[in-house]
Amino acid sequence: RFGLTTEARENAAATLFSLSAVHDYKKRIADEGGA
């Protein structure tokens, strides 16, 4: 949301993509405020 560089924000999105490969984590990620 507030990363100091473009690359940091993009890599944070890629990290969420990586973590969401596990089905059980998809709901937790979506429920995280602002994600």
PDB file of all heavy atoms in Angstrom:
ATOM      1  N   ARG A   1       0.809  -1.225   0.000  1.00  0.00           N
ATOM      2  CA  ARG A   1       0.000   0.000   0.000  1.00  0.00           C
ATOM      3  C   ARG A   1       0.839   1.269   0.000  1.00  0.00           C
ATOM      4  O   ARG A   1       0.541   2.228  -0.722  1.00  0.00           O
ATOM      5  CB  ARG A   1      -0.919   0.001   1.226  1.00  0.00           C
ATOM      6  CG  ARG A   1      -1.913  -1.139   1.265  1.00  0.00           C
ATOM      7  CD  ARG A   1      -2.704  -1.138   2.563  1.00  0.00           C
ATOM      8  NE  ARG A   1      -3.577   0.032   2.678  1.00  0.00           N
ATOM      9  CZ  ARG A   1      -4.206   0.390   3.787  1.00  0.00           C
ATOM     10  NH1 ARG A   1      -4.032  -0.315   4.907  1.00  0.00           N
ATOM     11  NH2 ARG A   1      -4.978   1.450   3.806  1.00  0.00           N
ATOM     12  N   PHE A   2       1.889   1.271   0.807  1.00  0.00           N
ATOM     13  CA  PHE A   2       2.617   2.526   1.032  1.00  0.00           C
ATOM     14  C   PHE A   2       4.132   2.390   0.801  1.00  0.00           C
ATOM     15  O   PHE A   2       4.906   3.190   1.320  1.00  0.00           O
ATOM     16  CB  PHE A   2       2.382   3.013   2.467  1.00  0.00           C
ATOM     17  CG  PHE A   2       0.937   3.081   2.857  1.00  0.00           C
ATOM     18  CD1 PHE A   2       0.424   2.246   3.843  1.00  0.00           C
ATOM     19  CD2 PHE A   2       0.073   3.970   2.224  1.00  0.00           C
ATOM     20  CE1 PHE A   2      -0.910   2.307   4.207  1.00  0.00           C
ATOM     21  CE2 PHE A   2      -1.267   4.037   2.579  1.00  0.00           C
ATOM     22  CZ  PHE A   2      -1.765   3.203   3.569  1.00  0.00           C
ATOM     23  N   GLY A   3       4.551   1.374   0.073  1.00  0.00           N
ATOM     24  CA  GLY A   3       5.982   1.145  -0.145  1.00  0.00           C
ATOM     25  C   GLY A   3       6.699   2.368  -0.673  1.00  0.00           C
ATOM     26  O   GLY A   3       6.141   3.172  -1.435  1.00  0.00           O
ATOM     27  N   LEU A   4       7.964   2.514  -0.285  1.00  0.00           N
ATOM     28  CA  LEU A   4       8.726   3.719  -0.609  1.00  0.00           C
ATOM     29  C   LEU A   4       9.242   3.736  -2.041  1.00  0.00           C
ATOM     30  O   LEU A   4       9.663   4.786  -2.536  1.00  0.00           O
ATOM     31  CB  LEU A   4       9.908   3.852   0.365  1.00  0.00           C
ATOM     32  CG  LEU A   4       9.503   3.954   1.846  1.00  0.00           C
ATOM     33  CD1 LEU A   4      10.747   3.934   2.736  1.00  0.00           C
ATOM     34  CD2 LEU A   4       8.684   5.215   2.097  1.00  0.00           C
ATOM     35  N   THR A   5       9.249   2.576  -2.701  1.00  0.00           N
ATOM     36  CA  THR A   5       9.665   2.521  -4.103  1.00  0.00           C
ATOM     37  C   THR A   5       8.651   1.709  -4.891  1.00  0.00           C
ATOM     38  O   THR A   5       7.908   0.891  -4.339  1.00  0.00           O
ATOM     39  CB  THR A   5      11.053   1.863  -4.276  1.00  0.00           C
ATOM     40  OG1 THR A   5      10.962   0.470  -3.926  1.00  0.00           O
ATOM     41  CG2 THR A   5      12.097   2.539  -3.410  1.00  0.00           C
ATOM     42  N   THR A   6       8.630   1.933  -6.191  1.00  0.00           N
ATOM     43  CA  THR A   6       7.737   1.162  -7.065  1.00  0.00           C
ATOM     44  C   THR A   6       8.058  -0.318  -6.993  1.00  0.00           C
ATOM     45  O   THR A   6       7.159  -1.167  -6.918  1.00  0.00           O
ATOM     46  CB  THR A   6       7.875   1.657  -8.516  1.00  0.00           C
ATOM     47  OG1 THR A   6       7.531   3.039  -8.573  1.00  0.00           O
ATOM     48  CG2 THR A   6       6.984   0.867  -9.451  1.00  0.00           C
ATOM     49  N   GLU A   7       9.358  -0.637  -7.005  1.00  0.00           N
ATOM     50  CA  GLU A   7       9.764  -2.040  -6.971  1.00  0.00           C
ATOM     51  C   GLU A   7       9.330  -2.720  -5.678  1.00  0.00           C
ATOM     52  O   GLU A   7       8.942  -3.890  -5.682  1.00  0.00           O
ATOM     53  CB  GLU A   7      11.291  -2.162  -7.135  1.00  0.00           C
ATOM     54  CG  GLU A   7      11.795  -1.858  -8.535  1.00  0.00           C
ATOM     55  CD  GLU A   7      11.990  -0.371  -8.768  1.00  0.00           C
ATOM     56  OE1 GLU A   7      11.656   0.432  -7.859  1.00  0.00           O
ATOM     57  OE2 GLU A   7      12.467  -0.005  -9.861  1.00  0.00           O
ATOM     58  N   ALA A   8       9.383  -1.998  -4.576  1.00  0.00           N
ATOM     59  CA  ALA A   8       8.962  -2.581  -3.304  1.00  0.00           C
ATOM     60  C   ALA A   8       7.476  -2.928  -3.345  1.00  0.00           C
ATOM     61  O   ALA A   8       7.062  -4.012  -2.904  1.00  0.00           O
ATOM     62  CB  ALA A   8       9.257  -1.612  -2.158  1.00  0.00           C
ATOM     63  N   ARG A   9       6.660  -2.034  -3.872  1.00  0.00           N
ATOM     64  CA  ARG A   9       5.220  -2.303  -3.952  1.00  0.00           C
ATOM     65  C   ARG A   9       4.934  -3.474  -4.891  1.00  0.00           C
ATOM     66  O   ARG A   9       4.089  -4.330  -4.601  1.00  0.00           O
ATOM     67  CB  ARG A   9       4.482  -1.039  -4.412  1.00  0.00           C
ATOM     68  CG  ARG A   9       4.565   0.120  -3.408  1.00  0.00           C
ATOM     69  CD  ARG A   9       3.620   1.244  -3.777  1.00  0.00           C
ATOM     70  NE  ARG A   9       4.005   1.913  -5.012  1.00  0.00           N
ATOM     71  CZ  ARG A   9       4.872   2.908  -5.092  1.00  0.00           C
ATOM     72  NH1 ARG A   9       5.473   3.355  -4.000  1.00  0.00           N
ATOM     73  NH2 ARG A   9       5.155   3.475  -6.255  1.00  0.00           N
ATOM     74  N   GLU A  10       5.634  -3.498  -6.012  1.00  0.00           N
ATOM     75  CA  GLU A  10       5.427  -4.594  -6.965  1.00  0.00           C
ATOM     76  C   GLU A  10       5.852  -5.933  -6.370  1.00  0.00           C
ATOM     77  O   GLU A  10       5.164  -6.952  -6.537  1.00  0.00           O
ATOM     78  CB  GLU A  10       6.214  -4.316  -8.252  1.00  0.00           C
ATOM     79  CG  GLU A  10       5.655  -3.153  -9.060  1.00  0.00           C
ATOM     80  CD  GLU A  10       6.557  -2.764 -10.214  1.00  0.00           C
ATOM     81  OE1 GLU A  10       7.715  -3.237 -10.241  1.00  0.00           O
ATOM     82  OE2 GLU A  10       6.110  -2.005 -11.090  1.00  0.00           O
ATOM     83  N   ASN A  11       6.978  -5.951  -5.680  1.00  0.00           N
ATOM     84  CA  ASN A  11       7.457  -7.207  -5.095  1.00  0.00           C
ATOM     85  C   ASN A  11       6.575  -7.654  -3.937  1.00  0.00           C
ATOM     86  O   ASN A  11       6.474  -8.856  -3.662  1.00  0.00           O
ATOM     87  CB  ASN A  11       8.908  -7.057  -4.650  1.00  0.00           C
ATOM     88  CG  ASN A  11       9.849  -6.914  -5.828  1.00  0.00           C
ATOM     89  OD1 ASN A  11       9.472  -7.200  -6.959  1.00  0.00           O
ATOM     90  ND2 ASN A  11      11.071  -6.477  -5.580  1.00  0.00           N
ATOM     91  N   ALA A  12       5.948  -6.707  -3.253  1.00  0.00           N
ATOM     92  CA  ALA A  12       4.978  -7.083  -2.218  1.00  0.00           C
ATOM     93  C   ALA A  12       3.774  -7.774  -2.864  1.00  0.00           C
ATOM     94  O   ALA A  12       3.258  -8.773  -2.334  1.00  0.00           O
ATOM     95  CB  ALA A  12       4.533  -5.851  -1.442  1.00  0.00           C
ATOM     96  N   ALA A  13       3.320  -7.255  -4.014  1.00  0.00           N
ATOM     97  CA  ALA A  13       2.212  -7.899  -4.730  1.00  0.00           C
ATOM     98  C   ALA A  13       2.611  -9.298  -5.186  1.00  0.00           C
ATOM     99  O   ALA A  13       1.822 -10.249  -5.086  1.00  0.00           O
ATOM    100  CB  ALA A  13       1.805  -7.046  -5.935  1.00  0.00           C
ATOM    101  N   ALA A  14       3.835  -9.432  -5.689  1.00  0.00           N
ATOM    102  CA  ALA A  14       4.307 -10.747  -6.125  1.00  0.00           C
ATOM    103  C   ALA A  14       4.398 -11.707  -4.944  1.00  0.00           C
ATOM    104  O   ALA A  14       4.156 -12.914  -5.088  1.00  0.00           O
ATOM    105  CB  ALA A  14       5.667 -10.613  -6.808  1.00  0.00           C
ATOM    106  N   THR A  15       4.749 -11.192  -3.771  1.00  0.00           N
ATOM    107  CA  THR A  15       4.803 -12.046  -2.579  1.00  0.00           C
ATOM    108  C   THR A  15       3.418 -12.566  -2.220  1.00  0.00           C
ATOM    109  O   THR A  15       3.252 -13.740  -1.874  1.00  0.00           O
ATOM    110  CB  THR A  15       5.404 -11.266  -1.395  1.00  0.00           C
ATOM    111  OG1 THR A  15       6.674 -10.723  -1.772  1.00  0.00           O
ATOM    112  CG2 THR A  15       5.593 -12.179  -0.189  1.00  0.00           C
ATOM    113  N   LEU A  16       2.409 -11.702  -2.298  1.00  0.00           N
ATOM    114  CA  LEU A  16       1.035 -12.145  -2.035  1.00  0.00           C
ATOM    115  C   LEU A  16       0.603 -13.186  -3.062  1.00  0.00           C
ATOM    116  O   LEU A  16      -0.086 -14.161  -2.723  1.00  0.00           O
ATOM    117  CB  LEU A  16       0.080 -10.958  -2.050  1.00  0.00           C
ATOM    118  CG  LEU A  16       0.267  -9.914  -0.943  1.00  0.00           C
ATOM    119  CD1 LEU A  16      -0.822  -8.848  -1.038  1.00  0.00           C
ATOM    120  CD2 LEU A  16       0.253 -10.555   0.434  1.00  0.00           C
ATOM    121  N   PHE A  17       1.001 -12.987  -4.303  1.00  0.00           N
ATOM    122  CA  PHE A  17       0.712 -13.980  -5.338  1.00  0.00           C
ATOM    123  C   PHE A  17       1.341 -15.324  -4.985  1.00  0.00           C
ATOM    124  O   PHE A  17       0.708 -16.381  -5.082  1.00  0.00           O
ATOM    125  CB  PHE A  17       1.234 -13.484  -6.687  1.00  0.00           C
ATOM    126  CG  PHE A  17       1.330 -14.549  -7.747  1.00  0.00           C
ATOM    127  CD1 PHE A  17       0.205 -15.232  -8.159  1.00  0.00           C
ATOM    128  CD2 PHE A  17       2.555 -14.858  -8.325  1.00  0.00           C
ATOM    129  CE1 PHE A  17       0.289 -16.213  -9.140  1.00  0.00           C
ATOM    130  CE2 PHE A  17       2.655 -15.833  -9.289  1.00  0.00           C
ATOM    131  CZ  PHE A  17       1.514 -16.506  -9.710  1.00  0.00           C
ATOM    132  N   SER A  18       2.591 -15.296  -4.540  1.00  0.00           N
ATOM    133  CA  SER A  18       3.281 -16.528  -4.160  1.00  0.00           C
ATOM    134  C   SER A  18       2.596 -17.205  -2.977  1.00  0.00           C
ATOM    135  O   SER A  18       2.355 -18.420  -2.984  1.00  0.00           O
ATOM    136  CB  SER A  18       4.745 -16.213  -3.820  1.00  0.00           C
ATOM    137  OG  SER A  18       5.410 -17.355  -3.334  1.00  0.00           O
ATOM    138  N   LEU A  19       2.260 -16.434  -1.959  1.00  0.00           N
ATOM    139  CA  LEU A  19       1.624 -17.001  -0.766  1.00  0.00           C
ATOM    140  C   LEU A  19       0.230 -17.538  -1.073  1.00  0.00           C
ATOM    141  O   LEU A  19      -0.206 -18.538  -0.494  1.00  0.00           O
ATOM    142  CB  LEU A  19       1.538 -15.937   0.329  1.00  0.00           C
ATOM    143  CG  LEU A  19       2.873 -15.427   0.892  1.00  0.00           C
ATOM    144  CD1 LEU A  19       2.638 -14.251   1.831  1.00  0.00           C
ATOM    145  CD2 LEU A  19       3.623 -16.547   1.624  1.00  0.00           C
ATOM    146  N   SER A  20      -0.475 -16.893  -2.008  1.00  0.00           N
ATOM    147  CA  SER A  20      -1.847 -17.311  -2.310  1.00  0.00           C
ATOM    148  C   SER A  20      -1.897 -18.599  -3.118  1.00  0.00           C
ATOM    149  O   SER A  20      -2.985 -19.096  -3.424  1.00  0.00           O
ATOM    150  CB  SER A  20      -2.581 -16.202  -3.076  1.00  0.00           C
ATOM    151  OG  SER A  20      -1.984 -15.978  -4.347  1.00  0.00           O
ATOM    152  N   ALA A  21      -0.741 -19.159  -3.468  1.00  0.00           N
ATOM    153  CA  ALA A  21      -0.732 -20.468  -4.124  1.00  0.00           C
ATOM    154  C   ALA A  21      -1.269 -21.548  -3.188  1.00  0.00           C
ATOM    155  O   ALA A  21      -1.730 -22.593  -3.641  1.00  0.00           O
ATOM    156  CB  ALA A  21       0.679 -20.816  -4.585  1.00  0.00           C
ATOM    157  N   VAL A  22      -1.206 -21.305  -1.879  1.00  0.00           N
ATOM    158  CA  VAL A  22      -1.770 -22.227  -0.886  1.00  0.00           C
ATOM    159  C   VAL A  22      -3.230 -21.843  -0.669  1.00  0.00           C
ATOM    160  O   VAL A  22      -3.534 -20.722  -0.253  1.00  0.00           O
ATOM    161  CB  VAL A  22      -0.988 -22.159   0.440  1.00  0.00           C
ATOM    162  CG1 VAL A  22      -1.612 -23.101   1.471  1.00  0.00           C
ATOM    163  CG2 VAL A  22       0.477 -22.512   0.206  1.00  0.00           C
ATOM    164  N   HIS A  23      -4.136 -22.769  -0.938  1.00  0.00           N
ATOM    165  CA  HIS A  23      -5.566 -22.454  -0.904  1.00  0.00           C
ATOM    166  C   HIS A  23      -6.017 -21.908   0.450  1.00  0.00           C
ATOM    167  O   HIS A  23      -6.813 -20.970   0.518  1.00  0.00           O
ATOM    168  CB  HIS A  23      -6.368 -23.713  -1.253  1.00  0.00           C
ATOM    169  CG  HIS A  23      -7.840 -23.465  -1.366  1.00  0.00           C
ATOM    170  ND1 HIS A  23      -8.411 -22.834  -2.459  1.00  0.00           N
ATOM    171  CD2 HIS A  23      -8.863 -23.731  -0.507  1.00  0.00           C
ATOM    172  CE1 HIS A  23      -9.722 -22.735  -2.278  1.00  0.00           C
ATOM    173  NE2 HIS A  23     -10.024 -23.273  -1.110  1.00  0.00           N
ATOM    174  N   ASP A  24      -5.477 -22.488   1.518  1.00  0.00           N
ATOM    175  CA  ASP A  24      -5.906 -22.080   2.855  1.00  0.00           C
ATOM    176  C   ASP A  24      -5.538 -20.636   3.180  1.00  0.00           C
ATOM    177  O   ASP A  24      -6.102 -20.048   4.113  1.00  0.00           O
ATOM    178  CB  ASP A  24      -5.300 -23.006   3.911  1.00  0.00           C
ATOM    179  CG  ASP A  24      -5.864 -24.415   3.820  1.00  0.00           C
ATOM    180  OD1 ASP A  24      -6.917 -24.590   3.174  1.00  0.00           O
ATOM    181  OD2 ASP A  24      -5.245 -25.338   4.381  1.00  0.00           O
ATOM    182  N   TYR A  25      -4.582 -20.061   2.446  1.00  0.00           N
ATOM    183  CA  TYR A  25      -4.144 -18.701   2.744  1.00  0.00           C
ATOM    184  C   TYR A  25      -4.904 -17.642   1.942  1.00  0.00           C
ATOM    185  O   TYR A  25      -4.781 -16.444   2.218  1.00  0.00           O
ATOM    186  CB  TYR A  25      -2.649 -18.550   2.469  1.00  0.00           C
ATOM    187  CG  TYR A  25      -1.772 -19.451   3.317  1.00  0.00           C
ATOM    188  CD1 TYR A  25      -0.507 -19.837   2.873  1.00  0.00           C
ATOM    189  CD2 TYR A  25      -2.206 -19.919   4.551  1.00  0.00           C
ATOM    190  CE1 TYR A  25       0.299 -20.657   3.646  1.00  0.00           C
ATOM    191  CE2 TYR A  25      -1.407 -20.746   5.323  1.00  0.00           C
ATOM    192  CZ  TYR A  25      -0.156 -21.117   4.861  1.00  0.00           C
ATOM    193  OH  TYR A  25       0.632 -21.942   5.632  1.00  0.00           O
ATOM    194  N   LYS A  26      -5.656 -18.058   0.946  1.00  0.00           N
ATOM    195  CA  LYS A  26      -6.308 -17.086   0.068  1.00  0.00           C
ATOM    196  C   LYS A  26      -7.310 -16.230   0.827  1.00  0.00           C
ATOM    197  O   LYS A  26      -7.397 -15.017   0.616  1.00  0.00           O
ATOM    198  CB  LYS A  26      -6.983 -17.817  -1.095  1.00  0.00           C
ATOM    199  CG  LYS A  26      -5.989 -18.499  -2.030  1.00  0.00           C
ATOM    200  CD  LYS A  26      -6.667 -19.320  -3.111  1.00  0.00           C
ATOM    201  CE  LYS A  26      -5.607 -20.003  -3.975  1.00  0.00           C
ATOM    202  NZ  LYS A  26      -6.192 -20.850  -5.022  1.00  0.00           N
ATOM    203  N   LYS A  27      -8.063 -16.848   1.710  1.00  0.00           N
ATOM    204  CA  LYS A  27      -9.049 -16.101   2.489  1.00  0.00           C
ATOM    205  C   LYS A  27      -8.361 -15.156   3.468  1.00  0.00           C
ATOM    206  O   LYS A  27      -8.769 -13.997   3.632  1.00  0.00           O
ATOM    207  CB  LYS A  27      -9.938 -17.094   3.251  1.00  0.00           C
ATOM    208  CG  LYS A  27     -11.107 -16.443   4.004  1.00  0.00           C
ATOM    209  CD  LYS A  27     -12.158 -15.913   3.042  1.00  0.00           C
ATOM    210  CE  LYS A  27     -13.462 -15.573   3.757  1.00  0.00           C
ATOM    211  NZ  LYS A  27     -13.329 -14.561   4.795  1.00  0.00           N
ATOM    212  N   ARG A  28      -7.301 -15.619   4.109  1.00  0.00           N
ATOM    213  CA  ARG A  28      -6.575 -14.766   5.058  1.00  0.00           C
ATOM    214  C   ARG A  28      -5.992 -13.542   4.365  1.00  0.00           C
ATOM    215  O   ARG A  28      -6.028 -12.430   4.896  1.00  0.00           O
ATOM    216  CB  ARG A  28      -5.462 -15.565   5.735  1.00  0.00           C
ATOM    217  CG  ARG A  28      -5.929 -16.556   6.783  1.00  0.00           C
ATOM    218  CD  ARG A  28      -4.762 -17.287   7.398  1.00  0.00           C
ATOM    219  NE  ARG A  28      -3.792 -16.374   7.992  1.00  0.00           N
ATOM    220  CZ  ARG A  28      -2.614 -16.767   8.484  1.00  0.00           C
ATOM    221  NH1 ARG A  28      -2.270 -18.048   8.442  1.00  0.00           N
ATOM    222  NH2 ARG A  28      -1.795 -15.874   9.008  1.00  0.00           N
ATOM    223  N   ILE A  29      -5.450 -13.736   3.185  1.00  0.00           N
ATOM    224  CA  ILE A  29      -4.855 -12.609   2.451  1.00  0.00           C
ATOM    225  C   ILE A  29      -5.938 -11.615   2.057  1.00  0.00           C
ATOM    226  O   ILE A  29      -5.777 -10.391   2.207  1.00  0.00           O
ATOM    227  CB  ILE A  29      -4.091 -13.126   1.213  1.00  0.00           C
ATOM    228  CG1 ILE A  29      -2.870 -13.942   1.647  1.00  0.00           C
ATOM    229  CG2 ILE A  29      -3.663 -11.960   0.321  1.00  0.00           C
ATOM    230  CD1 ILE A  29      -2.175 -14.657   0.515  1.00  0.00           C
ATOM    231  N   ALA A  30      -7.052 -12.119   1.546  1.00  0.00           N
ATOM    232  CA  ALA A  30      -8.131 -11.224   1.120  1.00  0.00           C
ATOM    233  C   ALA A  30      -8.715 -10.453   2.300  1.00  0.00           C
ATOM    234  O   ALA A  30      -9.132  -9.294   2.157  1.00  0.00           O
ATOM    235  CB  ALA A  30      -9.220 -12.025   0.415  1.00  0.00           C
ATOM    236  N   ASP A  31      -8.739 -11.082   3.466  1.00  0.00           N
ATOM    237  CA  ASP A  31      -9.314 -10.434   4.647  1.00  0.00           C
ATOM    238  C   ASP A  31      -8.360  -9.443   5.313  1.00  0.00           C
ATOM    239  O   ASP A  31      -8.781  -8.682   6.184  1.00  0.00           O
ATOM    240  CB  ASP A  31      -9.734 -11.497   5.675  1.00  0.00           C
ATOM    241  CG  ASP A  31     -10.968 -12.272   5.238  1.00  0.00           C
ATOM    242  OD1 ASP A  31     -11.672 -11.782   4.334  1.00  0.00           O
ATOM    243  OD2 ASP A  31     -11.205 -13.372   5.770  1.00  0.00           O
ATOM    244  N   GLU A  32      -7.090  -9.474   4.918  1.00  0.00           N
ATOM    245  CA  GLU A  32      -6.124  -8.536   5.496  1.00  0.00           C
ATOM    246  C   GLU A  32      -6.467  -7.122   5.018  1.00  0.00           C
ATOM    247  O   GLU A  32      -6.580  -6.867   3.814  1.00  0.00           O
ATOM    248  CB  GLU A  32      -4.704  -8.915   5.077  1.00  0.00           C
ATOM    249  CG  GLU A  32      -3.614  -8.101   5.748  1.00  0.00           C
ATOM    250  CD  GLU A  32      -3.516  -8.384   7.248  1.00  0.00           C
ATOM    251  OE1 GLU A  32      -3.739  -9.551   7.665  1.00  0.00           O
ATOM    252  OE2 GLU A  32      -3.222  -7.441   7.997  1.00  0.00           O
ATOM    253  N   GLY A  33      -6.616  -6.230   5.942  1.00  0.00           N
ATOM    254  CA  GLY A  33      -7.072  -4.882   5.631  1.00  0.00           C
ATOM    255  C   GLY A  33      -6.267  -4.193   4.543  1.00  0.00           C
ATOM    256  O   GLY A  33      -5.055  -4.026   4.674  1.00  0.00           O
ATOM    257  N   GLY A  34      -6.939  -3.787   3.482  1.00  0.00           N
ATOM    258  CA  GLY A  34      -6.308  -3.014   2.412  1.00  0.00           C
ATOM    259  C   GLY A  34      -5.607  -3.836   1.356  1.00  0.00           C
ATOM    260  O   GLY A  34      -5.142  -3.270   0.352  1.00  0.00           O
ATOM    261  N   ALA A  35      -5.530  -5.150   1.506  1.00  0.00           N
ATOM    262  CA  ALA A  35      -4.759  -5.961   0.563  1.00  0.00           C
ATOM    263  C   ALA A  35      -5.387  -5.952  -0.827  1.00  0.00           C
ATOM    264  O   ALA A  35      -4.727  -5.629  -1.824  1.00  0.00           O
ATOM    265  CB  ALA A  35      -4.620  -7.393   1.085  1.00  0.00           C
TER     266      ALA A  35
END
